[in-house]
Amino acid sequence: MPRIKDLIIDTILSVKTQLNPNKRKHVFELFGYDFLIDEDFRVWLIEVNTNPYFGIANEYIADLLPKMIDDFTRLVVDPIYPPKFVDSERENLFELL
C-alpha cells in the first residue's frame, strides 16, 4: 500500500497545475487507478481514469461501490456541509491523500 499511495501522489503532483485552473473552492474529483502487482510483488501503475466505471460487474463490486461513494462523500462533502445525522456504525476504509 505505501507504494500505491506514492504512485497516486506522484500522478496528482504531475498534473497539479492543470487541476482546478479557475481556483474554485470546494472542488473535488474522483479518479480511478488501475494497478498491477507482478509475481515479485512489485506494483505497476497501468492507467488513471478521470471517469471511472461505476457499473456492477460482480457481487464484490455491488457491495463495495455504495460504501465507496458513501465514504467519499464523508471525506469531501461532510466537512463543508455537516450532516444532521451521522452513521458511525461502519469505519471509513478510504483515505484522503
PDB file of N, CA and C in Angstrom:
ATOM      1  N   MET A   1       0.798  -1.210   0.000  1.00  0.00           N
ATOM      2  CA  MET A   1       0.000   0.000   0.000  1.00  0.00           C
ATOM      3  C   MET A   1       0.844   1.278   0.000  1.00  0.00           C
ATOM      4  N   PRO A   2       1.977   1.313   0.687  1.00  0.00           N
ATOM      5  CA  PRO A   2       2.777   2.552   0.623  1.00  0.00           C
ATOM      6  C   PRO A   2       3.199   2.905  -0.806  1.00  0.00           C
ATOM      7  N   ARG A   3       3.561   1.901  -1.608  1.00  0.00           N
ATOM      8  CA  ARG A   3       3.963   2.157  -2.994  1.00  0.00           C
ATOM      9  C   ARG A   3       2.775   2.659  -3.818  1.00  0.00           C
ATOM     10  N   ILE A   4       1.608   2.089  -3.602  1.00  0.00           N
ATOM     11  CA  ILE A   4       0.416   2.532  -4.318  1.00  0.00           C
ATOM     12  C   ILE A   4       0.108   3.984  -3.964  1.00  0.00           C
ATOM     13  N   LYS A   5       0.185   4.316  -2.685  1.00  0.00           N
ATOM     14  CA  LYS A   5      -0.051   5.698  -2.263  1.00  0.00           C
ATOM     15  C   LYS A   5       0.964   6.644  -2.894  1.00  0.00           C
ATOM     16  N   ASP A   6       2.232   6.236  -2.939  1.00  0.00           N
ATOM     17  CA  ASP A   6       3.269   7.065  -3.559  1.00  0.00           C
ATOM     18  C   ASP A   6       2.974   7.312  -5.034  1.00  0.00           C
ATOM     19  N   LEU A   7       2.546   6.277  -5.740  1.00  0.00           N
ATOM     20  CA  LEU A   7       2.225   6.424  -7.159  1.00  0.00           C
ATOM     21  C   LEU A   7       1.034   7.362  -7.361  1.00  0.00           C
ATOM     22  N   ILE A   8       0.043   7.257  -6.501  1.00  0.00           N
ATOM     23  CA  ILE A   8      -1.120   8.142  -6.604  1.00  0.00           C
ATOM     24  C   ILE A   8      -0.690   9.591  -6.379  1.00  0.00           C
ATOM     25  N   ILE A   9       0.090   9.822  -5.351  1.00  0.00           N
ATOM     26  CA  ILE A   9       0.563  11.183  -5.055  1.00  0.00           C
ATOM     27  C   ILE A   9       1.407  11.714  -6.209  1.00  0.00           C
ATOM     28  N   ASP A  10       2.283  10.887  -6.763  1.00  0.00           N
ATOM     29  CA  ASP A  10       3.117  11.317  -7.893  1.00  0.00           C
ATOM     30  C   ASP A  10       2.279  11.719  -9.098  1.00  0.00           C
ATOM     31  N   THR A  11       1.213  10.974  -9.387  1.00  0.00           N
ATOM     32  CA  THR A  11       0.386  11.314 -10.549  1.00  0.00           C
ATOM     33  C   THR A  11      -0.351  12.635 -10.325  1.00  0.00           C
ATOM     34  N   ILE A  12      -0.828  12.858  -9.110  1.00  0.00           N
ATOM     35  CA  ILE A  12      -1.518  14.119  -8.815  1.00  0.00           C
ATOM     36  C   ILE A  12      -0.546  15.290  -8.909  1.00  0.00           C
ATOM     37  N   LEU A  13       0.654  15.111  -8.352  1.00  0.00           N
ATOM     38  CA  LEU A  13       1.654  16.181  -8.416  1.00  0.00           C
ATOM     39  C   LEU A  13       2.057  16.498  -9.853  1.00  0.00           C
ATOM     40  N   SER A  14       2.040  15.482 -10.726  1.00  0.00           N
ATOM     41  CA  SER A  14       2.461  15.698 -12.111  1.00  0.00           C
ATOM     42  C   SER A  14       1.478  16.560 -12.903  1.00  0.00           C
ATOM     43  N   VAL A  15       0.231  16.648 -12.441  1.00  0.00           N
ATOM     44  CA  VAL A  15      -0.778  17.440 -13.159  1.00  0.00           C
ATOM     45  C   VAL A  15      -1.412  18.516 -12.276  1.00  0.00           C
ATOM     46  N   LYS A  16      -0.799  18.807 -11.150  1.00  0.00           N
ATOM     47  CA  LYS A  16      -1.443  19.713 -10.189  1.00  0.00           C
ATOM     48  C   LYS A  16      -1.719  21.104 -10.756  1.00  0.00           C
ATOM     49  N   THR A  17      -0.899  21.563 -11.694  1.00  0.00           N
ATOM     50  CA  THR A  17      -1.147  22.889 -12.271  1.00  0.00           C
ATOM     51  C   THR A  17      -2.357  22.885 -13.204  1.00  0.00           C
ATOM     52  N   GLN A  18      -2.766  21.706 -13.654  1.00  0.00           N
ATOM     53  CA  GLN A  18      -3.911  21.598 -14.558  1.00  0.00           C
ATOM     54  C   GLN A  18      -5.213  21.299 -13.815  1.00  0.00           C
ATOM     55  N   LEU A  19      -5.111  20.927 -12.551  1.00  0.00           N
ATOM     56  CA  LEU A  19      -6.302  20.632 -11.761  1.00  0.00           C
ATOM     57  C   LEU A  19      -6.871  21.925 -11.188  1.00  0.00           C
ATOM     58  N   ASN A  20      -8.148  22.119 -11.336  1.00  0.00           N
ATOM     59  CA  ASN A  20      -8.847  23.302 -10.830  1.00  0.00           C
ATOM     60  C   ASN A  20      -8.169  24.606 -11.270  1.00  0.00           C
ATOM     61  N   PRO A  21      -8.026  24.822 -12.565  1.00  0.00           N
ATOM     62  CA  PRO A  21      -7.320  26.013 -13.047  1.00  0.00           C
ATOM     63  C   PRO A  21      -8.004  27.324 -12.672  1.00  0.00           C
ATOM     64  N   ASN A  22      -9.308  27.292 -12.398  1.00  0.00           N
ATOM     65  CA  ASN A  22     -10.040  28.514 -12.032  1.00  0.00           C
ATOM     66  C   ASN A  22     -10.020  28.775 -10.528  1.00  0.00           C
ATOM     67  N   LYS A  23      -9.323  27.919  -9.788  1.00  0.00           N
ATOM     68  CA  LYS A  23      -9.155  28.089  -8.332  1.00  0.00           C
ATOM     69  C   LYS A  23     -10.495  28.167  -7.592  1.00  0.00           C
ATOM     70  N   ARG A  24     -11.437  27.341  -7.998  1.00  0.00           N
ATOM     71  CA  ARG A  24     -12.732  27.298  -7.318  1.00  0.00           C
ATOM     72  C   ARG A  24     -12.590  26.598  -5.970  1.00  0.00           C
ATOM     73  N   LYS A  25     -13.350  27.051  -4.992  1.00  0.00           N
ATOM     74  CA  LYS A  25     -13.336  26.427  -3.678  1.00  0.00           C
ATOM     75  C   LYS A  25     -14.237  25.199  -3.672  1.00  0.00           C
ATOM     76  N   HIS A  26     -13.902  24.243  -2.829  1.00  0.00           N
ATOM     77  CA  HIS A  26     -14.718  23.052  -2.586  1.00  0.00           C
ATOM     78  C   HIS A  26     -14.941  22.234  -3.853  1.00  0.00           C
ATOM     79  N   VAL A  27     -13.901  22.064  -4.632  1.00  0.00           N
ATOM     80  CA  VAL A  27     -13.957  21.269  -5.851  1.00  0.00           C
ATOM     81  C   VAL A  27     -13.260  19.938  -5.588  1.00  0.00           C
ATOM     82  N   PHE A  28     -13.836  18.862  -6.072  1.00  0.00           N
ATOM     83  CA  PHE A  28     -13.211  17.557  -5.911  1.00  0.00           C
ATOM     84  C   PHE A  28     -13.466  16.719  -7.149  1.00  0.00           C
ATOM     85  N   GLU A  29     -12.638  15.704  -7.298  1.00  0.00           N
ATOM     86  CA  GLU A  29     -12.798  14.776  -8.411  1.00  0.00           C
ATOM     87  C   GLU A  29     -12.345  13.403  -7.949  1.00  0.00           C
ATOM     88  N   LEU A  30     -13.041  12.395  -8.411  1.00  0.00           N
ATOM     89  CA  LEU A  30     -12.698  11.017  -8.087  1.00  0.00           C
ATOM     90  C   LEU A  30     -11.990  10.408  -9.292  1.00  0.00           C
ATOM     91  N   PHE A  31     -10.782   9.902  -9.074  1.00  0.00           N
ATOM     92  CA  PHE A  31     -10.022   9.252 -10.131  1.00  0.00           C
ATOM     93  C   PHE A  31     -10.056   7.745  -9.925  1.00  0.00           C
ATOM     94  N   GLY A  32      -9.994   7.021 -11.017  1.00  0.00           N
ATOM     95  CA  GLY A  32      -9.923   5.563 -10.960  1.00  0.00           C
ATOM     96  C   GLY A  32      -8.518   5.112 -11.325  1.00  0.00           C
ATOM     97  N   TYR A  33      -7.856   4.438 -10.417  1.00  0.00           N
ATOM     98  CA  TYR A  33      -6.487   3.966 -10.634  1.00  0.00           C
ATOM     99  C   TYR A  33      -6.496   2.465 -10.875  1.00  0.00           C
ATOM    100  N   ASP A  34      -5.750   2.036 -11.888  1.00  0.00           N
ATOM    101  CA  ASP A  34      -5.592   0.608 -12.178  1.00  0.00           C
ATOM    102  C   ASP A  34      -4.135   0.227 -11.933  1.00  0.00           C
ATOM    103  N   PHE A  35      -3.933  -0.747 -11.064  1.00  0.00           N
ATOM    104  CA  PHE A  35      -2.591  -1.215 -10.723  1.00  0.00           C
ATOM    105  C   PHE A  35      -2.449  -2.690 -11.067  1.00  0.00           C
ATOM    106  N   LEU A  36      -1.222  -3.094 -11.273  1.00  0.00           N
ATOM    107  CA  LEU A  36      -0.880  -4.493 -11.477  1.00  0.00           C
ATOM    108  C   LEU A  36       0.190  -4.841 -10.457  1.00  0.00           C
ATOM    109  N   ILE A  37       0.071  -6.002  -9.831  1.00  0.00           N
ATOM    110  CA  ILE A  37       1.099  -6.491  -8.913  1.00  0.00           C
ATOM    111  C   ILE A  37       1.687  -7.738  -9.544  1.00  0.00           C
ATOM    112  N   ASP A  38       2.990  -7.710  -9.845  1.00  0.00           N
ATOM    113  CA  ASP A  38       3.608  -8.835 -10.553  1.00  0.00           C
ATOM    114  C   ASP A  38       4.008  -9.954  -9.589  1.00  0.00           C
ATOM    115  N   GLU A  39       4.625 -10.998 -10.135  1.00  0.00           N
ATOM    116  CA  GLU A  39       4.973 -12.178  -9.322  1.00  0.00           C
ATOM    117  C   GLU A  39       6.021 -11.878  -8.254  1.00  0.00           C
ATOM    118  N   ASP A  40       6.736 -10.768  -8.408  1.00  0.00           N
ATOM    119  CA  ASP A  40       7.709 -10.344  -7.388  1.00  0.00           C
ATOM    120  C   ASP A  40       7.109  -9.310  -6.435  1.00  0.00           C
ATOM    121  N   PHE A  41       5.798  -9.149  -6.507  1.00  0.00           N
ATOM    122  CA  PHE A  41       5.037  -8.209  -5.669  1.00  0.00           C
ATOM    123  C   PHE A  41       5.433  -6.749  -5.903  1.00  0.00           C
ATOM    124  N   ARG A  42       5.916  -6.449  -7.095  1.00  0.00           N
ATOM    125  CA  ARG A  42       6.159  -5.057  -7.475  1.00  0.00           C
ATOM    126  C   ARG A  42       4.848  -4.476  -7.986  1.00  0.00           C
ATOM    127  N   VAL A  43       4.638  -3.217  -7.665  1.00  0.00           N
ATOM    128  CA  VAL A  43       3.398  -2.537  -8.058  1.00  0.00           C
ATOM    129  C   VAL A  43       3.662  -1.705  -9.300  1.00  0.00           C
ATOM    130  N   TRP A  44       2.779  -1.857 -10.285  1.00  0.00           N
ATOM    131  CA  TRP A  44       2.877  -1.114 -11.541  1.00  0.00           C
ATOM    132  C   TRP A  44       1.579  -0.349 -11.749  1.00  0.00           C
ATOM    133  N   LEU A  45       1.702   0.932 -12.064  1.00  0.00           N
ATOM    134  CA  LEU A  45       0.532   1.738 -12.407  1.00  0.00           C
ATOM    135  C   LEU A  45       0.215   1.503 -13.879  1.00  0.00           C
ATOM    136  N   ILE A  46      -0.990   1.066 -14.167  1.00  0.00           N
ATOM    137  CA  ILE A  46      -1.396   0.811 -15.548  1.00  0.00           C
ATOM    138  C   ILE A  46      -2.007   2.069 -16.163  1.00  0.00           C
ATOM    139  N   GLU A  47      -2.986   2.654 -15.480  1.00  0.00           N
ATOM    140  CA  GLU A  47      -3.637   3.855 -16.005  1.00  0.00           C
ATOM    141  C   GLU A  47      -4.405   4.564 -14.898  1.00  0.00           C
ATOM    142  N   VAL A  48      -4.739   5.824 -15.178  1.00  0.00           N
ATOM    143  CA  VAL A  48      -5.573   6.626 -14.288  1.00  0.00           C
ATOM    144  C   VAL A  48      -6.749   7.125 -15.115  1.00  0.00           C
ATOM    145  N   ASN A  49      -7.948   6.907 -14.598  1.00  0.00           N
ATOM    146  CA  ASN A  49      -9.157   7.311 -15.302  1.00  0.00           C
ATOM    147  C   ASN A  49      -9.794   8.514 -14.616  1.00  0.00           C
ATOM    148  N   THR A  50     -10.142   9.521 -15.402  1.00  0.00           N
ATOM    149  CA  THR A  50     -10.854  10.668 -14.845  1.00  0.00           C
ATOM    150  C   THR A  50     -12.355  10.418 -14.823  1.00  0.00           C
ATOM    151  N   ASN A  51     -12.778   9.336 -15.425  1.00  0.00           N
ATOM    152  CA  ASN A  51     -14.187   8.969 -15.452  1.00  0.00           C
ATOM    153  C   ASN A  51     -14.286   7.472 -15.146  1.00  0.00           C
ATOM    154  N   PRO A  52     -14.074   7.086 -13.864  1.00  0.00           N
ATOM    155  CA  PRO A  52     -14.057   5.652 -13.557  1.00  0.00           C
ATOM    156  C   PRO A  52     -15.414   4.989 -13.768  1.00  0.00           C
ATOM    157  N   TYR A  53     -15.365   3.725 -14.088  1.00  0.00           N
ATOM    158  CA  TYR A  53     -16.558   2.915 -14.356  1.00  0.00           C
ATOM    159  C   TYR A  53     -17.264   2.589 -13.040  1.00  0.00           C
ATOM    160  N   PHE A  54     -18.559   2.879 -12.960  1.00  0.00           N
ATOM    161  CA  PHE A  54     -19.339   2.593 -11.766  1.00  0.00           C
ATOM    162  C   PHE A  54     -20.352   1.484 -11.987  1.00  0.00           C
ATOM    163  N   GLY A  55     -20.114   0.645 -12.968  1.00  0.00           N
ATOM    164  CA  GLY A  55     -21.010  -0.481 -13.203  1.00  0.00           C
ATOM    165  C   GLY A  55     -20.781  -1.569 -12.170  1.00  0.00           C
ATOM    166  N   ILE A  56     -21.753  -2.426 -12.035  1.00  0.00           N
ATOM    167  CA  ILE A  56     -21.671  -3.511 -11.054  1.00  0.00           C
ATOM    168  C   ILE A  56     -21.383  -4.801 -11.807  1.00  0.00           C
ATOM    169  N   ALA A  57     -20.103  -5.171 -11.795  1.00  0.00           N
ATOM    170  CA  ALA A  57     -19.658  -6.345 -12.546  1.00  0.00           C
ATOM    171  C   ALA A  57     -19.842  -7.654 -11.779  1.00  0.00           C
ATOM    172  N   ASN A  58     -19.830  -7.576 -10.442  1.00  0.00           N
ATOM    173  CA  ASN A  58     -19.951  -8.787  -9.628  1.00  0.00           C
ATOM    174  C   ASN A  58     -20.440  -8.411  -8.230  1.00  0.00           C
ATOM    175  N   GLU A  59     -20.618  -9.426  -7.369  1.00  0.00           N
ATOM    176  CA  GLU A  59     -21.146  -9.187  -6.030  1.00  0.00           C
ATOM    177  C   GLU A  59     -20.194  -8.354  -5.174  1.00  0.00           C
ATOM    178  N   TYR A  60     -18.901  -8.548  -5.347  1.00  0.00           N
ATOM    179  CA  TYR A  60     -17.926  -7.773  -4.580  1.00  0.00           C
ATOM    180  C   TYR A  60     -18.068  -6.277  -4.880  1.00  0.00           C
ATOM    181  N   ILE A  61     -18.160  -5.938  -6.162  1.00  0.00           N
ATOM    182  CA  ILE A  61     -18.324  -4.541  -6.566  1.00  0.00           C
ATOM    183  C   ILE A  61     -19.684  -4.012  -6.114  1.00  0.00           C
ATOM    184  N   ALA A  62     -20.708  -4.849  -6.168  1.00  0.00           N
ATOM    185  CA  ALA A  62     -22.037  -4.438  -5.716  1.00  0.00           C
ATOM    186  C   ALA A  62     -22.018  -4.063  -4.240  1.00  0.00           C
ATOM    187  N   ASP A  63     -21.183  -4.710  -3.452  1.00  0.00           N
ATOM    188  CA  ASP A  63     -21.040  -4.390  -2.032  1.00  0.00           C
ATOM    189  C   ASP A  63     -20.112  -3.188  -1.822  1.00  0.00           C
ATOM    190  N   LEU A  64     -19.034  -3.122  -2.593  1.00  0.00           N
ATOM    191  CA  LEU A  64     -18.015  -2.098  -2.412  1.00  0.00           C
ATOM    192  C   LEU A  64     -18.466  -0.711  -2.883  1.00  0.00           C
ATOM    193  N   LEU A  65     -19.111  -0.627  -4.025  1.00  0.00           N
ATOM    194  CA  LEU A  65     -19.432   0.656  -4.650  1.00  0.00           C
ATOM    195  C   LEU A  65     -20.261   1.597  -3.762  1.00  0.00           C
ATOM    196  N   PRO A  66     -21.364   1.149  -3.168  1.00  0.00           N
ATOM    197  CA  PRO A  66     -22.122   2.070  -2.305  1.00  0.00           C
ATOM    198  C   PRO A  66     -21.309   2.540  -1.096  1.00  0.00           C
ATOM    199  N   LYS A  67     -20.495   1.656  -0.532  1.00  0.00           N
ATOM    200  CA  LYS A  67     -19.644   2.042   0.602  1.00  0.00           C
ATOM    201  C   LYS A  67     -18.609   3.072   0.170  1.00  0.00           C
ATOM    202  N   MET A  68     -18.024   2.866  -1.005  1.00  0.00           N
ATOM    203  CA  MET A  68     -17.014   3.787  -1.506  1.00  0.00           C
ATOM    204  C   MET A  68     -17.619   5.174  -1.741  1.00  0.00           C
ATOM    205  N   ILE A  69     -18.786   5.229  -2.341  1.00  0.00           N
ATOM    206  CA  ILE A  69     -19.426   6.515  -2.603  1.00  0.00           C
ATOM    207  C   ILE A  69     -19.805   7.203  -1.294  1.00  0.00           C
ATOM    208  N   ASP A  70     -20.301   6.436  -0.324  1.00  0.00           N
ATOM    209  CA  ASP A  70     -20.644   6.997   0.978  1.00  0.00           C
ATOM    210  C   ASP A  70     -19.393   7.528   1.686  1.00  0.00           C
ATOM    211  N   ASP A  71     -18.316   6.768   1.672  1.00  0.00           N
ATOM    212  CA  ASP A  71     -17.072   7.197   2.325  1.00  0.00           C
ATOM    213  C   ASP A  71     -16.464   8.398   1.614  1.00  0.00           C
ATOM    214  N   PHE A  72     -16.534   8.403   0.295  1.00  0.00           N
ATOM    215  CA  PHE A  72     -16.045   9.540  -0.490  1.00  0.00           C
ATOM    216  C   PHE A  72     -16.805  10.812  -0.098  1.00  0.00           C
ATOM    217  N   THR A  73     -18.113  10.682   0.033  1.00  0.00           N
ATOM    218  CA  THR A  73     -18.939  11.819   0.435  1.00  0.00           C
ATOM    219  C   THR A  73     -18.562  12.295   1.830  1.00  0.00           C
ATOM    220  N   ARG A  74     -18.330  11.368   2.731  1.00  0.00           N
ATOM    221  CA  ARG A  74     -17.940  11.734   4.096  1.00  0.00           C
ATOM    222  C   ARG A  74     -16.609  12.495   4.116  1.00  0.00           C
ATOM    223  N   LEU A  75     -15.700  12.127   3.237  1.00  0.00           N
ATOM    224  CA  LEU A  75     -14.392  12.783   3.201  1.00  0.00           C
ATOM    225  C   LEU A  75     -14.440  14.185   2.604  1.00  0.00           C
ATOM    226  N   VAL A  76     -15.216  14.368   1.543  1.00  0.00           N
ATOM    227  CA  VAL A  76     -15.128  15.637   0.820  1.00  0.00           C
ATOM    228  C   VAL A  76     -16.322  16.574   0.988  1.00  0.00           C
ATOM    229  N   VAL A  77     -17.490  16.043   1.301  1.00  0.00           N
ATOM    230  CA  VAL A  77     -18.677  16.891   1.405  1.00  0.00           C
ATOM    231  C   VAL A  77     -19.028  17.193   2.866  1.00  0.00           C
ATOM    232  N   ASP A  78     -18.975  16.189   3.724  1.00  0.00           N
ATOM    233  CA  ASP A  78     -19.379  16.382   5.117  1.00  0.00           C
ATOM    234  C   ASP A  78     -18.613  17.483   5.847  1.00  0.00           C
ATOM    235  N   PRO A  79     -17.318  17.680   5.608  1.00  0.00           N
ATOM    236  CA  PRO A  79     -16.646  18.790   6.292  1.00  0.00           C
ATOM    237  C   PRO A  79     -17.197  20.169   5.901  1.00  0.00           C
ATOM    238  N   ILE A  80     -17.751  20.279   4.708  1.00  0.00           N
ATOM    239  CA  ILE A  80     -18.289  21.554   4.233  1.00  0.00           C
ATOM    240  C   ILE A  80     -19.763  21.699   4.621  1.00  0.00           C
ATOM    241  N   TYR A  81     -20.510  20.615   4.459  1.00  0.00           N
ATOM    242  CA  TYR A  81     -21.930  20.581   4.805  1.00  0.00           C
ATOM    243  C   TYR A  81     -22.158  19.438   5.788  1.00  0.00           C
ATOM    244  N   PRO A  82     -21.930  19.679   7.068  1.00  0.00           N
ATOM    245  CA  PRO A  82     -22.064  18.599   8.052  1.00  0.00           C
ATOM    246  C   PRO A  82     -23.469  17.993   8.033  1.00  0.00           C
ATOM    247  N   PRO A  83     -23.539  16.664   8.071  1.00  0.00           N
ATOM    248  CA  PRO A  83     -24.851  16.012   8.061  1.00  0.00           C
ATOM    249  C   PRO A  83     -25.572  16.196   9.397  1.00  0.00           C
ATOM    250  N   LYS A  84     -26.891  16.151   9.347  1.00  0.00           N
ATOM    251  CA  LYS A  84     -27.673  16.249  10.582  1.00  0.00           C
ATOM    252  C   LYS A  84     -27.567  14.973  11.399  1.00  0.00           C
ATOM    253  N   PHE A  85     -27.496  13.839  10.711  1.00  0.00           N
ATOM    254  CA  PHE A  85     -27.391  12.550  11.375  1.00  0.00           C
ATOM    255  C   PHE A  85     -26.129  11.850  10.875  1.00  0.00           C
ATOM    256  N   VAL A  86     -25.329  11.327  11.799  1.00  0.00           N
ATOM    257  CA  VAL A  86     -24.080  10.667  11.435  1.00  0.00           C
ATOM    258  C   VAL A  86     -24.220   9.171  11.668  1.00  0.00           C
ATOM    259  N   ASP A  87     -23.967   8.397  10.628  1.00  0.00           N
ATOM    260  CA  ASP A  87     -23.980   6.938  10.730  1.00  0.00           C
ATOM    261  C   ASP A  87     -22.555   6.483  11.004  1.00  0.00           C
ATOM    262  N   SER A  88     -22.247   6.181  12.251  1.00  0.00           N
ATOM    263  CA  SER A  88     -20.876   5.827  12.617  1.00  0.00           C
ATOM    264  C   SER A  88     -20.709   4.339  12.884  1.00  0.00           C
ATOM    265  N   GLU A  89     -21.633   3.528  12.394  1.00  0.00           N
ATOM    266  CA  GLU A  89     -21.544   2.082  12.616  1.00  0.00           C
ATOM    267  C   GLU A  89     -20.386   1.451  11.857  1.00  0.00           C
ATOM    268  N   ARG A  90     -20.066   1.989  10.705  1.00  0.00           N
ATOM    269  CA  ARG A  90     -19.032   1.402   9.852  1.00  0.00           C
ATOM    270  C   ARG A  90     -17.852   2.362   9.741  1.00  0.00           C
ATOM    271  N   GLU A  91     -16.654   1.818   9.877  1.00  0.00           N
ATOM    272  CA  GLU A  91     -15.443   2.622   9.760  1.00  0.00           C
ATOM    273  C   GLU A  91     -15.197   3.004   8.301  1.00  0.00           C
ATOM    274  N   ASN A  92     -14.733   4.225   8.072  1.00  0.00           N
ATOM    275  CA  ASN A  92     -14.378   4.676   6.729  1.00  0.00           C
ATOM    276  C   ASN A  92     -13.076   3.988   6.327  1.00  0.00           C
ATOM    277  N   LEU A  93     -13.105   3.212   5.256  1.00  0.00           N
ATOM    278  CA  LEU A  93     -11.935   2.443   4.829  1.00  0.00           C
ATOM    279  C   LEU A  93     -11.121   3.172   3.765  1.00  0.00           C
ATOM    280  N   PHE A  94     -11.519   4.392   3.426  1.00  0.00           N
ATOM    281  CA  PHE A  94     -10.797   5.144   2.422  1.00  0.00           C
ATOM    282  C   PHE A  94      -9.989   6.254   3.071  1.00  0.00           C
ATOM    283  N   GLU A  95      -8.956   6.671   2.391  1.00  0.00           N
ATOM    284  CA  GLU A  95      -8.040   7.660   2.949  1.00  0.00           C
ATOM    285  C   GLU A  95      -7.869   8.802   1.968  1.00  0.00           C
ATOM    286  N   LEU A  96      -7.946  10.013   2.476  1.00  0.00           N
ATOM    287  CA  LEU A  96      -7.740  11.194   1.658  1.00  0.00           C
ATOM    288  C   LEU A  96      -6.240  11.437   1.545  1.00  0.00           C
ATOM    289  N   LEU A  97      -5.684  11.324   0.335  1.00  0.00           N
ATOM    290  CA  LEU A  97      -4.246  11.530   0.139  1.00  0.00           C
ATOM    291  C   LEU A  97      -3.969  12.962  -0.235  1.00  0.00           C
TER     292      LEU A  97
END
